[in-house]
Amino acid sequence: MAFPHEKELRKMRQKLEKSTPSNSLFEDASLAEKLKYKLCQKFVIYILENNISQLDLARSLDMDPARLNEIIKYKIHLFTIDKLLEFTQKLDPNLKIFIS
């Protein structure tokens, strides 16, 4: 795979400048924060594996697209664990949580 041409790189930079970055998890994150992060991650994985847009997924889950975007961006501070579990169970009705 060759390195992209300057024109293509410029387009990518412009697109990235307009977007909001995803939040990352701090090393000293609490157990609750780690769980919320993992639940958000399930949505990102689902979108990538199923090649579905955020809008289409939001519609299929009967969710506000803005809320789904917050999940995709890992804005865990905006959600409680029970709310994220509720959304995740819509995504995966066979969801199982194991605590070790």
Foldseek 3Di string as FASTA:
>chain_A
DDDDDPVVVVVVVVVVVPDDAADDADPPDDPQLVLLLVLLVVLVVCCVVVVDDLVVVCVQLVHDSVVNVCSVSSVSVVDGNVVSVVSSCSVPVPDDDDDD
